[in-house]
């Protein structure tokens, strides 16, 4: 329960940060059979799929390093499922918002592309 509360808090913090950067929220915790997309945002004409990562320690590379190739593949599959429900395909990108402890969010735009 504490873990999910921490995750929800991190996602809310990331969303608020992105809104301040000019992005508009579309969905939070969008789920399908392939997994979950933490945040779906709109940045101008671009649909942005955001993975939010929180780590209190950086012993293993920190929050950004925890978005593994396997996680990227799951996000891509979920994003494809999400996009299949739209009439028109918008330009898309995958971002990561990494939260390490109490420091400012680290926003990594275009964190990864279509992964094999």
PDB file of N, CA and C in Angstrom:
ATOM      1  N   UNK A   1       0.825  -1.194   0.000  1.00  0.00           N
ATOM      2  CA  UNK A   1       0.000   0.000   0.000  1.00  0.00           C
ATOM      3  C   UNK A   1       0.866   1.254   0.000  1.00  0.00           C
ATOM      4  N   UNK A   2       1.924   1.268   0.811  1.00  0.00           N
ATOM      5  CA  UNK A   2       2.815   2.421   0.845  1.00  0.00           C
ATOM      6  C   UNK A   2       3.460   2.623  -0.514  1.00  0.00           C
ATOM      7  N   UNK A   3       3.834   1.510  -1.177  1.00  0.00           N
ATOM      8  CA  UNK A   3       4.459   1.602  -2.486  1.00  0.00           C
ATOM      9  C   UNK A   3       3.513   2.256  -3.489  1.00  0.00           C
ATOM     10  N   UNK A   4       2.245   1.858  -3.496  1.00  0.00           N
ATOM     11  CA  UNK A   4       1.309   2.450  -4.445  1.00  0.00           C
ATOM     12  C   UNK A   4       1.044   3.920  -4.116  1.00  0.00           C
ATOM     13  N   UNK A   5       1.022   4.276  -2.843  1.00  0.00           N
ATOM     14  CA  UNK A   5       0.852   5.672  -2.461  1.00  0.00           C
ATOM     15  C   UNK A   5       2.049   6.492  -2.916  1.00  0.00           C
ATOM     16  N   UNK A   6       3.251   5.946  -2.753  1.00  0.00           N
ATOM     17  CA  UNK A   6       4.446   6.641  -3.232  1.00  0.00           C
ATOM     18  C   UNK A   6       4.399   6.806  -4.750  1.00  0.00           C
ATOM     19  N   UNK A   7       3.957   5.765  -5.452  1.00  0.00           N
ATOM     20  CA  UNK A   7       3.850   5.833  -6.904  1.00  0.00           C
ATOM     21  C   UNK A   7       2.839   6.871  -7.351  1.00  0.00           C
ATOM     22  N   UNK A   8       1.696   6.900  -6.686  1.00  0.00           N
ATOM     23  CA  UNK A   8       0.668   7.891  -7.026  1.00  0.00           C
ATOM     24  C   UNK A   8       1.166   9.306  -6.774  1.00  0.00           C
ATOM     25  N   UNK A   9       1.878   9.484  -5.678  1.00  0.00           N
ATOM     26  CA  UNK A   9       2.433  10.798  -5.355  1.00  0.00           C
ATOM     27  C   UNK A   9       3.468  11.211  -6.394  1.00  0.00           C
ATOM     28  N   UNK A  10       4.326  10.266  -6.795  1.00  0.00           N
ATOM     29  CA  UNK A  10       5.342  10.554  -7.809  1.00  0.00           C
ATOM     30  C   UNK A  10       4.685  10.925  -9.136  1.00  0.00           C
ATOM     31  N   UNK A  11       3.640  10.192  -9.521  1.00  0.00           N
ATOM     32  CA  UNK A  11       2.948  10.482 -10.773  1.00  0.00           C
ATOM     33  C   UNK A  11       2.276  11.847 -10.732  1.00  0.00           C
ATOM     34  N   UNK A  12       1.671  12.187  -9.604  1.00  0.00           N
ATOM     35  CA  UNK A  12       1.040  13.507  -9.459  1.00  0.00           C
ATOM     36  C   UNK A  12       2.092  14.608  -9.535  1.00  0.00           C
ATOM     37  N   UNK A  13       3.221  14.374  -8.914  1.00  0.00           N
ATOM     38  CA  UNK A  13       4.320  15.355  -8.943  1.00  0.00           C
ATOM     39  C   UNK A  13       4.857  15.520 -10.368  1.00  0.00           C
ATOM     40  N   UNK A  14       5.022  14.409 -11.071  1.00  0.00           N
ATOM     41  CA  UNK A  14       5.511  14.455 -12.449  1.00  0.00           C
ATOM     42  C   UNK A  14       4.505  15.166 -13.349  1.00  0.00           C
ATOM     43  N   UNK A  15       3.226  14.848 -13.177  1.00  0.00           N
ATOM     44  CA  UNK A  15       2.190  15.487 -13.991  1.00  0.00           C
ATOM     45  C   UNK A  15       2.170  16.992 -13.759  1.00  0.00           C
ATOM     46  N   UNK A  16       2.229  17.421 -12.511  1.00  0.00           N
ATOM     47  CA  UNK A  16       2.233  18.853 -12.200  1.00  0.00           C
ATOM     48  C   UNK A  16       3.457  19.532 -12.820  1.00  0.00           C
ATOM     49  N   UNK A  17       4.593  18.869 -12.760  1.00  0.00           N
ATOM     50  CA  UNK A  17       5.819  19.401 -13.360  1.00  0.00           C
ATOM     51  C   UNK A  17       5.636  19.575 -14.872  1.00  0.00           C
ATOM     52  N   UNK A  18       5.088  18.552 -15.533  1.00  0.00           N
ATOM     53  CA  UNK A  18       4.914  18.615 -16.981  1.00  0.00           C
ATOM     54  C   UNK A  18       3.885  19.671 -17.386  1.00  0.00           C
ATOM     55  N   UNK A  19       2.845  19.828 -16.593  1.00  0.00           N
ATOM     56  CA  UNK A  19       1.853  20.878 -16.863  1.00  0.00           C
ATOM     57  C   UNK A  19       2.528  22.249 -16.793  1.00  0.00           C
ATOM     58  N   UNK A  20       3.409  22.451 -15.824  1.00  0.00           N
ATOM     59  CA  UNK A  20       4.144  23.720 -15.722  1.00  0.00           C
ATOM     60  C   UNK A  20       5.045  23.942 -16.927  1.00  0.00           C
ATOM     61  N   UNK A  21       5.448  22.844 -17.591  1.00  0.00           N
ATOM     62  CA  UNK A  21       6.289  22.943 -18.781  1.00  0.00           C
ATOM     63  C   UNK A  21       5.447  23.158 -20.045  1.00  0.00           C
ATOM     64  N   UNK A  22       4.116  23.195 -19.892  1.00  0.00           N
ATOM     65  CA  UNK A  22       3.237  23.477 -21.016  1.00  0.00           C
ATOM     66  C   UNK A  22       2.522  22.280 -21.616  1.00  0.00           C
ATOM     67  N   UNK A  23       2.691  21.090 -21.044  1.00  0.00           N
ATOM     68  CA  UNK A  23       1.996  19.912 -21.554  1.00  0.00           C
ATOM     69  C   UNK A  23       0.608  19.827 -20.924  1.00  0.00           C
ATOM     70  N   UNK A  24      -0.301  19.182 -21.642  1.00  0.00           N
ATOM     71  CA  UNK A  24      -1.669  19.021 -21.133  1.00  0.00           C
ATOM     72  C   UNK A  24      -1.920  17.553 -20.820  1.00  0.00           C
ATOM     73  N   UNK A  25      -2.527  17.252 -19.677  1.00  0.00           N
ATOM     74  CA  UNK A  25      -2.819  15.856 -19.331  1.00  0.00           C
ATOM     75  C   UNK A  25      -3.915  15.275 -20.223  1.00  0.00           C
ATOM     76  N   UNK A  26      -3.717  14.023 -20.617  1.00  0.00           N
ATOM     77  CA  UNK A  26      -4.711  13.290 -21.398  1.00  0.00           C
ATOM     78  C   UNK A  26      -5.246  12.125 -20.565  1.00  0.00           C
ATOM     79  N   UNK A  27      -4.344  11.366 -19.946  1.00  0.00           N
ATOM     80  CA  UNK A  27      -4.752  10.214 -19.123  1.00  0.00           C
ATOM     81  C   UNK A  27      -3.655   9.894 -18.121  1.00  0.00           C
ATOM     82  N   UNK A  28      -4.077   9.260 -17.029  1.00  0.00           N
ATOM     83  CA  UNK A  28      -3.115   8.787 -16.023  1.00  0.00           C
ATOM     84  C   UNK A  28      -3.424   7.316 -15.749  1.00  0.00           C
ATOM     85  N   UNK A  29      -2.367   6.516 -15.624  1.00  0.00           N
ATOM     86  CA  UNK A  29      -2.480   5.078 -15.336  1.00  0.00           C
ATOM     87  C   UNK A  29      -3.369   4.362 -16.352  1.00  0.00           C
ATOM     88  N   UNK A  30      -3.125   4.617 -17.624  1.00  0.00           N
ATOM     89  CA  UNK A  30      -3.871   3.954 -18.691  1.00  0.00           C
ATOM     90  C   UNK A  30      -3.411   2.509 -18.775  1.00  0.00           C
ATOM     91  N   UNK A  31      -4.359   1.575 -18.674  1.00  0.00           N
ATOM     92  CA  UNK A  31      -4.016   0.151 -18.620  1.00  0.00           C
ATOM     93  C   UNK A  31      -4.601  -0.605 -19.796  1.00  0.00           C
ATOM     94  N   UNK A  32      -3.849  -1.617 -20.207  1.00  0.00           N
ATOM     95  CA  UNK A  32      -4.327  -2.567 -21.210  1.00  0.00           C
ATOM     96  C   UNK A  32      -3.635  -3.898 -20.917  1.00  0.00           C
ATOM     97  N   UNK A  33      -3.846  -4.876 -21.758  1.00  0.00           N
ATOM     98  CA  UNK A  33      -3.266  -6.198 -21.504  1.00  0.00           C
ATOM     99  C   UNK A  33      -1.741  -6.211 -21.570  1.00  0.00           C
ATOM    100  N   UNK A  34      -1.152  -5.193 -22.174  1.00  0.00           N
ATOM    101  CA  UNK A  34       0.304  -5.142 -22.293  1.00  0.00           C
ATOM    102  C   UNK A  34       0.977  -4.449 -21.112  1.00  0.00           C
ATOM    103  N   UNK A  35       0.196  -3.744 -20.304  1.00  0.00           N
ATOM    104  CA  UNK A  35       0.779  -3.052 -19.168  1.00  0.00           C
ATOM    105  C   UNK A  35       0.099  -1.716 -18.937  1.00  0.00           C
ATOM    106  N   UNK A  36       0.819  -0.838 -18.291  1.00  0.00           N
ATOM    107  CA  UNK A  36       0.283   0.459 -17.891  1.00  0.00           C
ATOM    108  C   UNK A  36       1.191   1.578 -18.365  1.00  0.00           C
ATOM    109  N   UNK A  37       0.552   2.657 -18.804  1.00  0.00           N
ATOM    110  CA  UNK A  37       1.282   3.881 -19.126  1.00  0.00           C
ATOM    111  C   UNK A  37       0.972   4.862 -18.004  1.00  0.00           C
ATOM    112  N   UNK A  38       2.025   5.329 -17.324  1.00  0.00           N
ATOM    113  CA  UNK A  38       1.825   6.191 -16.159  1.00  0.00           C
ATOM    114  C   UNK A  38       1.065   7.465 -16.517  1.00  0.00           C
ATOM    115  N   UNK A  39       1.581   8.193 -17.511  1.00  0.00           N
ATOM    116  CA  UNK A  39       0.948   9.439 -17.924  1.00  0.00           C
ATOM    117  C   UNK A  39       0.909   9.506 -19.446  1.00  0.00           C
ATOM    118  N   UNK A  40      -0.192  10.001 -19.973  1.00  0.00           N
ATOM    119  CA  UNK A  40      -0.277  10.330 -21.384  1.00  0.00           C
ATOM    120  C   UNK A  40      -0.560  11.826 -21.419  1.00  0.00           C
ATOM    121  N   UNK A  41       0.319  12.552 -22.098  1.00  0.00           N
ATOM    122  CA  UNK A  41       0.239  14.007 -22.129  1.00  0.00           C
ATOM    123  C   UNK A  41       0.186  14.477 -23.581  1.00  0.00           C
ATOM    124  N   UNK A  42      -0.180  15.731 -23.760  1.00  0.00           N
ATOM    125  CA  UNK A  42      -0.197  16.347 -25.082  1.00  0.00           C
ATOM    126  C   UNK A  42       0.789  17.499 -25.056  1.00  0.00           C
ATOM    127  N   UNK A  43       1.727  17.512 -25.995  1.00  0.00           N
ATOM    128  CA  UNK A  43       2.719  18.582 -26.126  1.00  0.00           C
ATOM    129  C   UNK A  43       2.558  19.155 -27.529  1.00  0.00           C
ATOM    130  N   UNK A  44       1.725  20.179 -27.655  1.00  0.00           N
ATOM    131  CA  UNK A  44       1.381  20.688 -28.982  1.00  0.00           C
ATOM    132  C   UNK A  44       0.612  19.611 -29.725  1.00  0.00           C
ATOM    133  N   UNK A  45       1.108  19.237 -30.913  1.00  0.00           N
ATOM    134  CA  UNK A  45       0.456  18.191 -31.704  1.00  0.00           C
ATOM    135  C   UNK A  45       0.918  16.796 -31.310  1.00  0.00           C
ATOM    136  N   UNK A  46       1.913  16.702 -30.437  1.00  0.00           N
ATOM    137  CA  UNK A  46       2.550  15.422 -30.105  1.00  0.00           C
ATOM    138  C   UNK A  46       1.923  14.769 -28.886  1.00  0.00           C
ATOM    139  N   UNK A  47       1.574  13.491 -29.012  1.00  0.00           N
ATOM    140  CA  UNK A  47       1.104  12.690 -27.880  1.00  0.00           C
ATOM    141  C   UNK A  47       2.349  12.135 -27.196  1.00  0.00           C
ATOM    142  N   UNK A  48       2.432  12.334 -25.893  1.00  0.00           N
ATOM    143  CA  UNK A  48       3.618  11.954 -25.129  1.00  0.00           C
ATOM    144  C   UNK A  48       3.253  10.865 -24.128  1.00  0.00           C
ATOM    145  N   UNK A  49       3.940   9.740 -24.224  1.00  0.00           N
ATOM    146  CA  UNK A  49       3.768   8.632 -23.289  1.00  0.00           C
ATOM    147  C   UNK A  49       4.888   8.752 -22.264  1.00  0.00           C
ATOM    148  N   UNK A  50       4.512   8.890 -21.002  1.00  0.00           N
ATOM    149  CA  UNK A  50       5.490   9.210 -19.958  1.00  0.00           C
ATOM    150  C   UNK A  50       5.595   8.070 -18.949  1.00  0.00           C
ATOM    151  N   UNK A  51       6.807   7.627 -18.731  1.00  0.00           N
ATOM    152  CA  UNK A  51       7.102   6.670 -17.661  1.00  0.00           C
ATOM    153  C   UNK A  51       7.659   7.478 -16.496  1.00  0.00           C
ATOM    154  N   UNK A  52       7.045   7.330 -15.335  1.00  0.00           N
ATOM    155  CA  UNK A  52       7.490   8.024 -14.129  1.00  0.00           C
ATOM    156  C   UNK A  52       8.249   7.024 -13.279  1.00  0.00           C
ATOM    157  N   UNK A  53       9.459   7.382 -12.884  1.00  0.00           N
ATOM    158  CA  UNK A  53      10.285   6.491 -12.064  1.00  0.00           C
ATOM    159  C   UNK A  53      10.739   7.239 -10.821  1.00  0.00           C
ATOM    160  N   UNK A  54      10.564   6.589  -9.684  1.00  0.00           N
ATOM    161  CA  UNK A  54      10.970   7.149  -8.396  1.00  0.00           C
ATOM    162  C   UNK A  54      11.963   6.209  -7.746  1.00  0.00           C
ATOM    163  N   UNK A  55      13.068   6.754  -7.327  1.00  0.00           N
ATOM    164  CA  UNK A  55      14.063   5.988  -6.579  1.00  0.00           C
ATOM    165  C   UNK A  55      14.577   6.872  -5.454  1.00  0.00           C
ATOM    166  N   UNK A  56      14.616   6.323  -4.263  1.00  0.00           N
ATOM    167  CA  UNK A  56      15.132   7.096  -3.139  1.00  0.00           C
ATOM    168  C   UNK A  56      16.650   7.025  -3.057  1.00  0.00           C
ATOM    169  N   UNK A  57      17.219   6.017  -3.733  1.00  0.00           N
ATOM    170  CA  UNK A  57      18.680   5.853  -3.739  1.00  0.00           C
ATOM    171  C   UNK A  57      19.142   5.641  -5.169  1.00  0.00           C
ATOM    172  N   UNK A  58      20.399   5.982  -5.432  1.00  0.00           N
ATOM    173  CA  UNK A  58      20.925   5.831  -6.791  1.00  0.00           C
ATOM    174  C   UNK A  58      21.977   4.729  -6.874  1.00  0.00           C
ATOM    175  N   UNK A  59      21.936   3.769  -5.941  1.00  0.00           N
ATOM    176  CA  UNK A  59      22.930   2.694  -5.909  1.00  0.00           C
ATOM    177  C   UNK A  59      23.011   1.920  -7.221  1.00  0.00           C
ATOM    178  N   UNK A  60      21.895   1.771  -7.892  1.00  0.00           N
ATOM    179  CA  UNK A  60      21.869   0.964  -9.109  1.00  0.00           C
ATOM    180  C   UNK A  60      21.605   1.810 -10.336  1.00  0.00           C
ATOM    181  N   UNK A  61      22.066   3.050 -10.332  1.00  0.00           N
ATOM    182  CA  UNK A  61      21.937   3.903 -11.498  1.00  0.00           C
ATOM    183  C   UNK A  61      20.814   4.915 -11.432  1.00  0.00           C
ATOM    184  N   UNK A  62      20.051   4.913 -10.380  1.00  0.00           N
ATOM    185  CA  UNK A  62      19.000   5.911 -10.228  1.00  0.00           C
ATOM    186  C   UNK A  62      17.734   5.573 -10.994  1.00  0.00           C
ATOM    187  N   UNK A  63      16.801   6.506 -10.943  1.00  0.00           N
ATOM    188  CA  UNK A  63      15.469   6.284 -11.499  1.00  0.00           C
ATOM    189  C   UNK A  63      15.489   6.105 -13.015  1.00  0.00           C
ATOM    190  N   UNK A  64      16.204   6.959 -13.727  1.00  0.00           N
ATOM    191  CA  UNK A  64      16.203   6.884 -15.198  1.00  0.00           C
ATOM    192  C   UNK A  64      16.782   5.565 -15.690  1.00  0.00           C
ATOM    193  N   UNK A  65      17.808   5.083 -15.024  1.00  0.00           N
ATOM    194  CA  UNK A  65      18.453   3.827 -15.435  1.00  0.00           C
ATOM    195  C   UNK A  65      17.554   2.620 -15.226  1.00  0.00           C
ATOM    196  N   UNK A  66      16.472   2.786 -14.462  1.00  0.00           N
ATOM    197  CA  UNK A  66      15.592   1.655 -14.190  1.00  0.00           C
ATOM    198  C   UNK A  66      14.590   1.392 -15.317  1.00  0.00           C
ATOM    199  N   UNK A  67      14.596   2.211 -16.350  1.00  0.00           N
ATOM    200  CA  UNK A  67      13.717   1.978 -17.506  1.00  0.00           C
ATOM    201  C   UNK A  67      14.491   1.067 -18.468  1.00  0.00           C
ATOM    202  N   UNK A  68      14.354  -0.211 -18.225  1.00  0.00           N
ATOM    203  CA  UNK A  68      15.099  -1.222 -18.968  1.00  0.00           C
ATOM    204  C   UNK A  68      14.524  -1.427 -20.371  1.00  0.00           C
ATOM    205  N   UNK A  69      15.254  -2.174 -21.187  1.00  0.00           N
ATOM    206  CA  UNK A  69      14.778  -2.505 -22.521  1.00  0.00           C
ATOM    207  C   UNK A  69      13.449  -3.255 -22.453  1.00  0.00           C
ATOM    208  N   UNK A  70      13.320  -4.162 -21.495  1.00  0.00           N
ATOM    209  CA  UNK A  70      12.059  -4.901 -21.327  1.00  0.00           C
ATOM    210  C   UNK A  70      10.912  -3.936 -20.999  1.00  0.00           C
ATOM    211  N   UNK A  71      11.151  -2.962 -20.134  1.00  0.00           N
ATOM    212  CA  UNK A  71      10.129  -1.974 -19.781  1.00  0.00           C
ATOM    213  C   UNK A  71       9.774  -1.123 -20.996  1.00  0.00           C
ATOM    214  N   UNK A  72      10.789  -0.759 -21.778  1.00  0.00           N
ATOM    215  CA  UNK A  72      10.544   0.021 -22.984  1.00  0.00           C
ATOM    216  C   UNK A  72       9.641  -0.744 -23.947  1.00  0.00           C
ATOM    217  N   UNK A  73       9.888  -2.029 -24.095  1.00  0.00           N
ATOM    218  CA  UNK A  73       9.064  -2.853 -24.986  1.00  0.00           C
ATOM    219  C   UNK A  73       7.611  -2.910 -24.512  1.00  0.00           C
ATOM    220  N   UNK A  74       7.420  -3.034 -23.200  1.00  0.00           N
ATOM    221  CA  UNK A  74       6.059  -3.054 -22.656  1.00  0.00           C
ATOM    222  C   UNK A  74       5.352  -1.722 -22.891  1.00  0.00           C
ATOM    223  N   UNK A  75       6.070  -0.631 -22.686  1.00  0.00           N
ATOM    224  CA  UNK A  75       5.481   0.689 -22.912  1.00  0.00           C
ATOM    225  C   UNK A  75       5.115   0.883 -24.373  1.00  0.00           C
ATOM    226  N   UNK A  76       5.981   0.440 -25.249  1.00  0.00           N
ATOM    227  CA  UNK A  76       5.713   0.556 -26.675  1.00  0.00           C
ATOM    228  C   UNK A  76       4.477  -0.247 -27.065  1.00  0.00           C
ATOM    229  N   UNK A  77       4.368  -1.468 -26.559  1.00  0.00           N
ATOM    230  CA  UNK A  77       3.191  -2.304 -26.852  1.00  0.00           C
ATOM    231  C   UNK A  77       1.918  -1.656 -26.317  1.00  0.00           C
ATOM    232  N   UNK A  78       1.980  -1.116 -25.117  1.00  0.00           N
ATOM    233  CA  UNK A  78       0.804  -0.446 -24.542  1.00  0.00           C
ATOM    234  C   UNK A  78       0.454   0.800 -25.348  1.00  0.00           C
ATOM    235  N   UNK A  79       1.455   1.550 -25.766  1.00  0.00           N
ATOM    236  CA  UNK A  79       1.203   2.751 -26.568  1.00  0.00           C
ATOM    237  C   UNK A  79       0.564   2.389 -27.906  1.00  0.00           C
ATOM    238  N   UNK A  80       1.035   1.317 -28.520  1.00  0.00           N
ATOM    239  CA  UNK A  80       0.422   0.871 -29.780  1.00  0.00           C
ATOM    240  C   UNK A  80      -1.050   0.524 -29.560  1.00  0.00           C
ATOM    241  N   UNK A  81      -1.343  -0.135 -28.444  1.00  0.00           N
ATOM    242  CA  UNK A  81      -2.732  -0.481 -28.126  1.00  0.00           C
ATOM    243  C   UNK A  81      -3.554   0.794 -27.948  1.00  0.00           C
ATOM    244  N   UNK A  82      -3.020   1.752 -27.218  1.00  0.00           N
ATOM    245  CA  UNK A  82      -3.711   3.027 -27.010  1.00  0.00           C
ATOM    246  C   UNK A  82      -3.984   3.711 -28.349  1.00  0.00           C
ATOM    247  N   UNK A  83      -2.953   3.776 -29.195  1.00  0.00           N
ATOM    248  CA  UNK A  83      -3.078   4.465 -30.481  1.00  0.00           C
ATOM    249  C   UNK A  83      -4.064   3.778 -31.419  1.00  0.00           C
ATOM    250  N   UNK A  84      -4.231   2.471 -31.254  1.00  0.00           N
ATOM    251  CA  UNK A  84      -5.161   1.739 -32.120  1.00  0.00           C
ATOM    252  C   UNK A  84      -6.601   2.202 -31.923  1.00  0.00           C
ATOM    253  N   UNK A  85      -6.874   2.856 -30.817  1.00  0.00           N
ATOM    254  CA  UNK A  85      -8.213   3.356 -30.546  1.00  0.00           C
ATOM    255  C   UNK A  85      -8.468   4.769 -31.054  1.00  0.00           C
ATOM    256  N   UNK A  86      -7.460   5.388 -31.661  1.00  0.00           N
ATOM    257  CA  UNK A  86      -7.607   6.747 -32.175  1.00  0.00           C
ATOM    258  C   UNK A  86      -7.916   6.720 -33.666  1.00  0.00           C
ATOM    259  N   UNK A  87      -8.715   7.674 -34.119  1.00  0.00           N
ATOM    260  CA  UNK A  87      -9.023   7.746 -35.548  1.00  0.00           C
ATOM    261  C   UNK A  87      -7.823   8.229 -36.356  1.00  0.00           C
ATOM    262  N   UNK A  88      -7.092   9.201 -35.818  1.00  0.00           N
ATOM    263  CA  UNK A  88      -5.940   9.776 -36.493  1.00  0.00           C
ATOM    264  C   UNK A  88      -4.709   9.582 -35.617  1.00  0.00           C
ATOM    265  N   UNK A  89      -3.630   9.112 -36.203  1.00  0.00           N
ATOM    266  CA  UNK A  89      -2.401   8.899 -35.437  1.00  0.00           C
ATOM    267  C   UNK A  89      -1.623  10.206 -35.325  1.00  0.00           C
ATOM    268  N   UNK A  90      -1.426  10.683 -34.101  1.00  0.00           N
ATOM    269  CA  UNK A  90      -0.641  11.900 -33.907  1.00  0.00           C
ATOM    270  C   UNK A  90       0.851  11.560 -33.868  1.00  0.00           C
ATOM    271  N   UNK A  91       1.716  12.562 -34.017  1.00  0.00           N
ATOM    272  CA  UNK A  91       3.132  12.314 -33.741  1.00  0.00           C
ATOM    273  C   UNK A  91       3.244  11.910 -32.267  1.00  0.00           C
ATOM    274  N   UNK A  92       4.171  11.002 -31.965  1.00  0.00           N
ATOM    275  CA  UNK A  92       4.313  10.490 -30.595  1.00  0.00           C
ATOM    276  C   UNK A  92       5.765  10.510 -30.160  1.00  0.00           C
ATOM    277  N   UNK A  93       5.944  10.507 -28.849  1.00  0.00           N
ATOM    278  CA  UNK A  93       7.282  10.317 -28.283  1.00  0.00           C
ATOM    279  C   UNK A  93       7.143   9.683 -26.903  1.00  0.00           C
ATOM    280  N   UNK A  94       8.255   9.137 -26.435  1.00  0.00           N
ATOM    281  CA  UNK A  94       8.317   8.495 -25.127  1.00  0.00           C
ATOM    282  C   UNK A  94       9.270   9.292 -24.249  1.00  0.00           C
ATOM    283  N   UNK A  95       8.754   9.782 -23.144  1.00  0.00           N
ATOM    284  CA  UNK A  95       9.553  10.546 -22.192  1.00  0.00           C
ATOM    285  C   UNK A  95       9.635   9.783 -20.880  1.00  0.00           C
ATOM    286  N   UNK A  96      10.638  10.128 -20.092  1.00  0.00           N
ATOM    287  CA  UNK A  96      10.779   9.604 -18.736  1.00  0.00           C
ATOM    288  C   UNK A  96      10.896  10.801 -17.802  1.00  0.00           C
ATOM    289  N   UNK A  97      10.160  10.765 -16.706  1.00  0.00           N
ATOM    290  CA  UNK A  97      10.363  11.732 -15.632  1.00  0.00           C
ATOM    291  C   UNK A  97      10.924  10.937 -14.463  1.00  0.00           C
ATOM    292  N   UNK A  98      12.180  11.216 -14.152  1.00  0.00           N
ATOM    293  CA  UNK A  98      12.884  10.508 -13.087  1.00  0.00           C
ATOM    294  C   UNK A  98      12.910  11.367 -11.839  1.00  0.00           C
ATOM    295  N   UNK A  99      12.478  10.778 -10.740  1.00  0.00           N
ATOM    296  CA  UNK A  99      12.459  11.453  -9.454  1.00  0.00           C
ATOM    297  C   UNK A  99      13.387  10.701  -8.520  1.00  0.00           C
ATOM    298  N   UNK A 100      14.459  11.348  -8.131  1.00  0.00           N
ATOM    299  CA  UNK A 100      15.428  10.757  -7.203  1.00  0.00           C
ATOM    300  C   UNK A 100      15.375  11.538  -5.907  1.00  0.00           C
ATOM    301  N   UNK A 101      14.773  10.954  -4.898  1.00  0.00           N
ATOM    302  CA  UNK A 101      14.694  11.636  -3.605  1.00  0.00           C
ATOM    303  C   UNK A 101      13.905  12.926  -3.702  1.00  0.00           C
ATOM    304  N   UNK A 102      14.456  14.008  -3.172  1.00  0.00           N
ATOM    305  CA  UNK A 102      13.736  15.274  -3.147  1.00  0.00           C
ATOM    306  C   UNK A 102      14.241  16.272  -4.186  1.00  0.00           C
ATOM    307  N   UNK A 103      15.145  15.848  -5.080  1.00  0.00           N
ATOM    308  CA  UNK A 103      15.669  16.768  -6.087  1.00  0.00           C
ATOM    309  C   UNK A 103      14.604  17.070  -7.139  1.00  0.00           C
ATOM    310  N   UNK A 104      14.872  18.059  -7.957  1.00  0.00           N
ATOM    311  CA  UNK A 104      13.938  18.438  -9.021  1.00  0.00           C
ATOM    312  C   UNK A 104      13.770  17.281 -10.000  1.00  0.00           C
ATOM    313  N   UNK A 105      12.604  17.157 -10.605  1.00  0.00           N
ATOM    314  CA  UNK A 105      12.389  16.089 -11.583  1.00  0.00           C
ATOM    315  C   UNK A 105      13.368  16.201 -12.747  1.00  0.00           C
ATOM    316  N   UNK A 106      13.827  15.062 -13.219  1.00  0.00           N
ATOM    317  CA  UNK A 106      14.695  15.000 -14.390  1.00  0.00           C
ATOM    318  C   UNK A 106      13.825  14.544 -15.553  1.00  0.00           C
ATOM    319  N   UNK A 107      13.542  15.465 -16.473  1.00  0.00           N
ATOM    320  CA  UNK A 107      12.659  15.187 -17.604  1.00  0.00           C
ATOM    321  C   UNK A 107      13.509  14.809 -18.798  1.00  0.00           C
ATOM    322  N   UNK A 108      13.377  13.583 -19.231  1.00  0.00           N
ATOM    323  CA  UNK A 108      14.148  13.092 -20.365  1.00  0.00           C
ATOM    324  C   UNK A 108      13.200  12.963 -21.553  1.00  0.00           C
ATOM    325  N   UNK A 109      13.259  13.937 -22.443  1.00  0.00           N
ATOM    326  CA  UNK A 109      12.421  13.913 -23.646  1.00  0.00           C
ATOM    327  C   UNK A 109      13.000  12.901 -24.623  1.00  0.00           C
ATOM    328  N   UNK A 110      12.119  12.249 -25.371  1.00  0.00           N
ATOM    329  CA  UNK A 110      12.563  11.252 -26.348  1.00  0.00           C
ATOM    330  C   UNK A 110      13.532  10.264 -25.709  1.00  0.00           C
ATOM    331  N   UNK A 111      13.157   9.742 -24.566  1.00  0.00           N
ATOM    332  CA  UNK A 111      14.029   8.845 -23.801  1.00  0.00           C
ATOM    333  C   UNK A 111      14.391   7.597 -24.585  1.00  0.00           C
ATOM    334  N   UNK A 112      13.475   7.145 -25.429  1.00  0.00           N
ATOM    335  CA  UNK A 112      13.754   5.992 -26.287  1.00  0.00           C
ATOM    336  C   UNK A 112      12.815   6.033 -27.473  1.00  0.00           C
ATOM    337  N   UNK A 113      13.198   5.314 -28.521  1.00  0.00           N
ATOM    338  CA  UNK A 113      12.398   5.225 -29.731  1.00  0.00           C
ATOM    339  C   UNK A 113      11.808   3.835 -29.817  1.00  0.00           C
ATOM    340  N   UNK A 114      11.251   3.531 -30.954  1.00  0.00           N
ATOM    341  CA  UNK A 114      10.719   2.185 -31.214  1.00  0.00           C
ATOM    342  C   UNK A 114      11.840   1.171 -30.965  1.00  0.00           C
ATOM    343  N   UNK A 115      11.603   0.256 -30.049  1.00  0.00           N
ATOM    344  CA  UNK A 115      12.625  -0.728 -29.693  1.00  0.00           C
ATOM    345  C   UNK A 115      12.258  -2.085 -30.290  1.00  0.00           C
ATOM    346  N   UNK A 116      13.278  -2.798 -30.692  1.00  0.00           N
ATOM    347  CA  UNK A 116      13.062  -4.100 -31.334  1.00  0.00           C
ATOM    348  C   UNK A 116      12.691  -5.159 -30.311  1.00  0.00           C
TER     349      UNK A 116
END
